Amino acid sequence: MAKKIIVYSAVYCPGCHAVKNFLKEHNIEFEERDIGQNEEYKKELQDMGHNSIPVTIIDDEKIIGFDVEKIKKALNIE
């Protein structure tokens, strides 16, 4: 079953670009939530207790920053 992946990001964030590029390179679909363009996404992030990006949510697991090892483990990829 496909995992639900959400990436909270913004255009000015280098780590966000790294996460999105990594997922694209592995042909993994994700939903991007740009907190710079949408106040509701920013509020969602803050309500989760986070003020920094990127935050990647894979099913119920939150991964803070561009943590390749945690992302790979959560997605079961080498």
N, C-alpha and C. Protein backbone atom coordinates (compact mmCIF):
# COMPACT_ATOMS: atom_id res chain seq x y z
N MET A 1 0.84 -1.19 0.00
CA MET A 1 0.00 0.00 0.00
C MET A 1 0.88 1.25 0.00
N ALA A 2 0.52 2.21 -0.81
CA ALA A 2 1.31 3.44 -0.91
C ALA A 2 1.23 4.22 0.40
N LYS A 3 2.33 4.84 0.72
CA LYS A 3 2.39 5.65 1.93
C LYS A 3 1.92 7.06 1.61
N LYS A 4 1.32 7.71 2.60
CA LYS A 4 0.90 9.10 2.44
C LYS A 4 2.07 9.97 2.87
N ILE A 5 2.54 10.82 1.97
CA ILE A 5 3.70 11.66 2.25
C ILE A 5 3.34 13.12 2.05
N ILE A 6 3.63 13.92 3.07
CA ILE A 6 3.41 15.36 3.01
C ILE A 6 4.74 16.04 3.34
N VAL A 7 5.12 17.02 2.53
CA VAL A 7 6.33 17.79 2.80
C VAL A 7 5.93 19.24 3.04
N TYR A 8 6.15 19.71 4.26
CA TYR A 8 5.95 21.13 4.58
C TYR A 8 7.23 21.84 4.18
N SER A 9 7.10 22.85 3.32
CA SER A 9 8.28 23.48 2.75
C SER A 9 8.00 24.94 2.41
N ALA A 10 9.02 25.59 1.82
CA ALA A 10 8.89 26.94 1.28
C ALA A 10 9.95 27.09 0.19
N VAL A 11 9.70 27.99 -0.75
CA VAL A 11 10.60 28.15 -1.90
C VAL A 11 12.00 28.60 -1.49
N TYR A 12 12.12 29.31 -0.37
CA TYR A 12 13.42 29.85 0.05
C TYR A 12 14.26 28.84 0.87
N CYS A 13 13.77 27.63 1.04
CA CYS A 13 14.38 26.65 1.95
C CYS A 13 15.21 25.61 1.19
N PRO A 14 16.55 25.65 1.30
CA PRO A 14 17.40 24.68 0.59
C PRO A 14 17.14 23.23 1.03
N GLY A 15 16.91 23.00 2.31
CA GLY A 15 16.63 21.65 2.79
C GLY A 15 15.34 21.10 2.21
N CYS A 16 14.38 21.99 2.01
CA CYS A 16 13.10 21.58 1.41
C CYS A 16 13.30 21.10 -0.01
N HIS A 17 14.11 21.84 -0.76
CA HIS A 17 14.41 21.44 -2.14
C HIS A 17 15.11 20.08 -2.14
N ALA A 18 15.99 19.85 -1.18
CA ALA A 18 16.72 18.59 -1.10
C ALA A 18 15.76 17.43 -0.85
N VAL A 19 14.82 17.61 0.08
CA VAL A 19 13.83 16.55 0.37
C VAL A 19 13.01 16.26 -0.87
N LYS A 20 12.48 17.31 -1.51
CA LYS A 20 11.62 17.11 -2.68
C LYS A 20 12.39 16.47 -3.83
N ASN A 21 13.63 16.91 -4.06
CA ASN A 21 14.44 16.31 -5.11
C ASN A 21 14.73 14.84 -4.83
N PHE A 22 15.02 14.51 -3.58
CA PHE A 22 15.26 13.12 -3.20
C PHE A 22 14.04 12.26 -3.51
N LEU A 23 12.87 12.73 -3.11
CA LEU A 23 11.64 11.97 -3.36
C LEU A 23 11.38 11.82 -4.86
N LYS A 24 11.59 12.90 -5.61
CA LYS A 24 11.38 12.85 -7.07
C LYS A 24 12.35 11.88 -7.72
N GLU A 25 13.62 11.88 -7.28
CA GLU A 25 14.63 10.97 -7.84
C GLU A 25 14.24 9.51 -7.63
N HIS A 26 13.50 9.24 -6.56
CA HIS A 26 13.06 7.88 -6.27
C HIS A 26 11.63 7.62 -6.73
N ASN A 27 11.11 8.53 -7.56
CA ASN A 27 9.75 8.40 -8.12
C ASN A 27 8.70 8.18 -7.04
N ILE A 28 8.82 8.94 -5.97
CA ILE A 28 7.88 8.83 -4.85
C ILE A 28 6.97 10.05 -4.87
N GLU A 29 5.66 9.78 -4.94
CA GLU A 29 4.69 10.88 -4.97
C GLU A 29 4.53 11.45 -3.58
N PHE A 30 4.35 12.77 -3.52
CA PHE A 30 4.16 13.44 -2.24
C PHE A 30 3.31 14.67 -2.45
N GLU A 31 2.72 15.12 -1.35
CA GLU A 31 1.96 16.37 -1.36
C GLU A 31 2.86 17.44 -0.76
N GLU A 32 3.02 18.54 -1.48
CA GLU A 32 3.80 19.66 -0.95
C GLU A 32 2.87 20.68 -0.33
N ARG A 33 3.23 21.12 0.87
CA ARG A 33 2.46 22.18 1.54
C ARG A 33 3.41 23.34 1.80
N ASP A 34 3.32 24.35 0.95
CA ASP A 34 4.22 25.51 0.99
C ASP A 34 3.71 26.50 2.04
N ILE A 35 4.43 26.59 3.15
CA ILE A 35 4.00 27.47 4.24
C ILE A 35 4.19 28.95 3.91
N GLY A 36 5.01 29.24 2.90
CA GLY A 36 5.20 30.62 2.48
C GLY A 36 4.06 31.14 1.64
N GLN A 37 3.32 30.22 1.03
CA GLN A 37 2.23 30.59 0.14
C GLN A 37 0.85 30.38 0.78
N ASN A 38 0.81 29.63 1.89
CA ASN A 38 -0.48 29.27 2.45
C ASN A 38 -0.42 29.34 3.98
N GLU A 39 -1.12 30.29 4.55
CA GLU A 39 -1.11 30.49 6.01
C GLU A 39 -1.70 29.28 6.74
N GLU A 40 -2.65 28.61 6.12
CA GLU A 40 -3.26 27.43 6.76
C GLU A 40 -2.21 26.33 6.97
N TYR A 41 -1.34 26.12 5.97
CA TYR A 41 -0.28 25.12 6.10
C TYR A 41 0.70 25.52 7.19
N LYS A 42 0.98 26.80 7.27
CA LYS A 42 1.89 27.30 8.32
C LYS A 42 1.28 27.03 9.69
N LYS A 43 -0.03 27.27 9.82
CA LYS A 43 -0.71 27.02 11.09
C LYS A 43 -0.71 25.53 11.43
N GLU A 44 -0.94 24.67 10.43
CA GLU A 44 -0.90 23.22 10.65
C GLU A 44 0.46 22.82 11.24
N LEU A 45 1.51 23.35 10.65
CA LEU A 45 2.88 23.03 11.09
C LEU A 45 3.09 23.49 12.53
N GLN A 46 2.66 24.71 12.82
CA GLN A 46 2.81 25.25 14.18
C GLN A 46 1.97 24.46 15.18
N ASP A 47 0.79 24.03 14.77
CA ASP A 47 -0.07 23.24 15.65
C ASP A 47 0.56 21.89 15.99
N MET A 48 1.44 21.40 15.12
CA MET A 48 2.17 20.16 15.39
C MET A 48 3.38 20.41 16.29
N GLY A 49 3.64 21.69 16.57
CA GLY A 49 4.76 22.03 17.45
C GLY A 49 6.05 22.34 16.71
N HIS A 50 5.95 22.62 15.41
CA HIS A 50 7.15 22.89 14.61
C HIS A 50 7.10 24.29 14.02
N ASN A 51 8.27 24.94 14.02
CA ASN A 51 8.38 26.26 13.41
C ASN A 51 9.40 26.28 12.29
N SER A 52 10.15 25.19 12.13
CA SER A 52 11.17 25.16 11.08
C SER A 52 10.79 24.13 10.03
N ILE A 53 11.34 24.30 8.85
CA ILE A 53 11.08 23.41 7.73
C ILE A 53 12.42 22.92 7.19
N PRO A 54 12.46 21.84 6.45
CA PRO A 54 11.33 21.01 6.06
C PRO A 54 10.89 20.07 7.18
N VAL A 55 9.61 19.74 7.13
CA VAL A 55 9.06 18.66 7.94
C VAL A 55 8.38 17.72 6.96
N THR A 56 8.82 16.46 6.96
CA THR A 56 8.26 15.46 6.07
C THR A 56 7.46 14.48 6.92
N ILE A 57 6.23 14.26 6.53
CA ILE A 57 5.39 13.31 7.25
C ILE A 57 5.16 12.12 6.32
N ILE A 58 5.58 10.96 6.81
CA ILE A 58 5.41 9.72 6.06
C ILE A 58 4.50 8.84 6.91
N ASP A 59 3.26 8.68 6.46
CA ASP A 59 2.21 8.07 7.27
C ASP A 59 2.11 8.86 8.57
N ASP A 60 2.48 8.27 9.70
CA ASP A 60 2.38 9.00 10.97
C ASP A 60 3.73 9.45 11.51
N GLU A 61 4.80 9.20 10.77
CA GLU A 61 6.15 9.55 11.23
C GLU A 61 6.54 10.94 10.74
N LYS A 62 7.01 11.78 11.68
CA LYS A 62 7.48 13.12 11.32
C LYS A 62 8.99 13.10 11.25
N ILE A 63 9.53 13.61 10.14
CA ILE A 63 10.98 13.70 9.96
C ILE A 63 11.33 15.17 9.81
N ILE A 64 12.16 15.64 10.73
CA ILE A 64 12.53 17.06 10.77
C ILE A 64 13.81 17.25 9.98
N GLY A 65 13.82 18.25 9.09
CA GLY A 65 15.01 18.51 8.29
C GLY A 65 15.16 17.50 7.17
N PHE A 66 16.29 17.57 6.47
CA PHE A 66 16.57 16.62 5.39
C PHE A 66 17.43 15.50 5.98
N ASP A 67 16.77 14.51 6.56
CA ASP A 67 17.44 13.37 7.19
C ASP A 67 17.28 12.17 6.28
N VAL A 68 18.27 11.98 5.40
CA VAL A 68 18.19 10.94 4.36
C VAL A 68 17.96 9.57 4.97
N GLU A 69 18.68 9.24 6.02
CA GLU A 69 18.57 7.90 6.60
C GLU A 69 17.16 7.64 7.15
N LYS A 70 16.60 8.61 7.83
CA LYS A 70 15.24 8.43 8.37
C LYS A 70 14.21 8.33 7.24
N ILE A 71 14.40 9.13 6.19
CA ILE A 71 13.47 9.07 5.05
C ILE A 71 13.56 7.71 4.38
N LYS A 72 14.78 7.24 4.13
CA LYS A 72 14.97 5.92 3.50
C LYS A 72 14.33 4.82 4.35
N LYS A 73 14.56 4.87 5.65
CA LYS A 73 14.02 3.84 6.55
C LYS A 73 12.50 3.87 6.53
N ALA A 74 11.90 5.05 6.59
CA ALA A 74 10.45 5.18 6.60
C ALA A 74 9.82 4.68 5.30
N LEU A 75 10.59 4.81 4.20
CA LEU A 75 10.07 4.41 2.88
C LEU A 75 10.55 3.02 2.44
N ASN A 76 11.37 2.39 3.30
CA ASN A 76 11.93 1.06 2.97
C ASN A 76 12.70 1.08 1.65
N ILE A 77 13.59 2.06 1.49
CA ILE A 77 14.43 2.10 0.29
C ILE A 77 15.89 2.11 0.70
N GLU A 78 16.73 1.62 -0.18
CA GLU A 78 18.17 1.53 0.09
C GLU A 78 18.86 2.83 -0.24
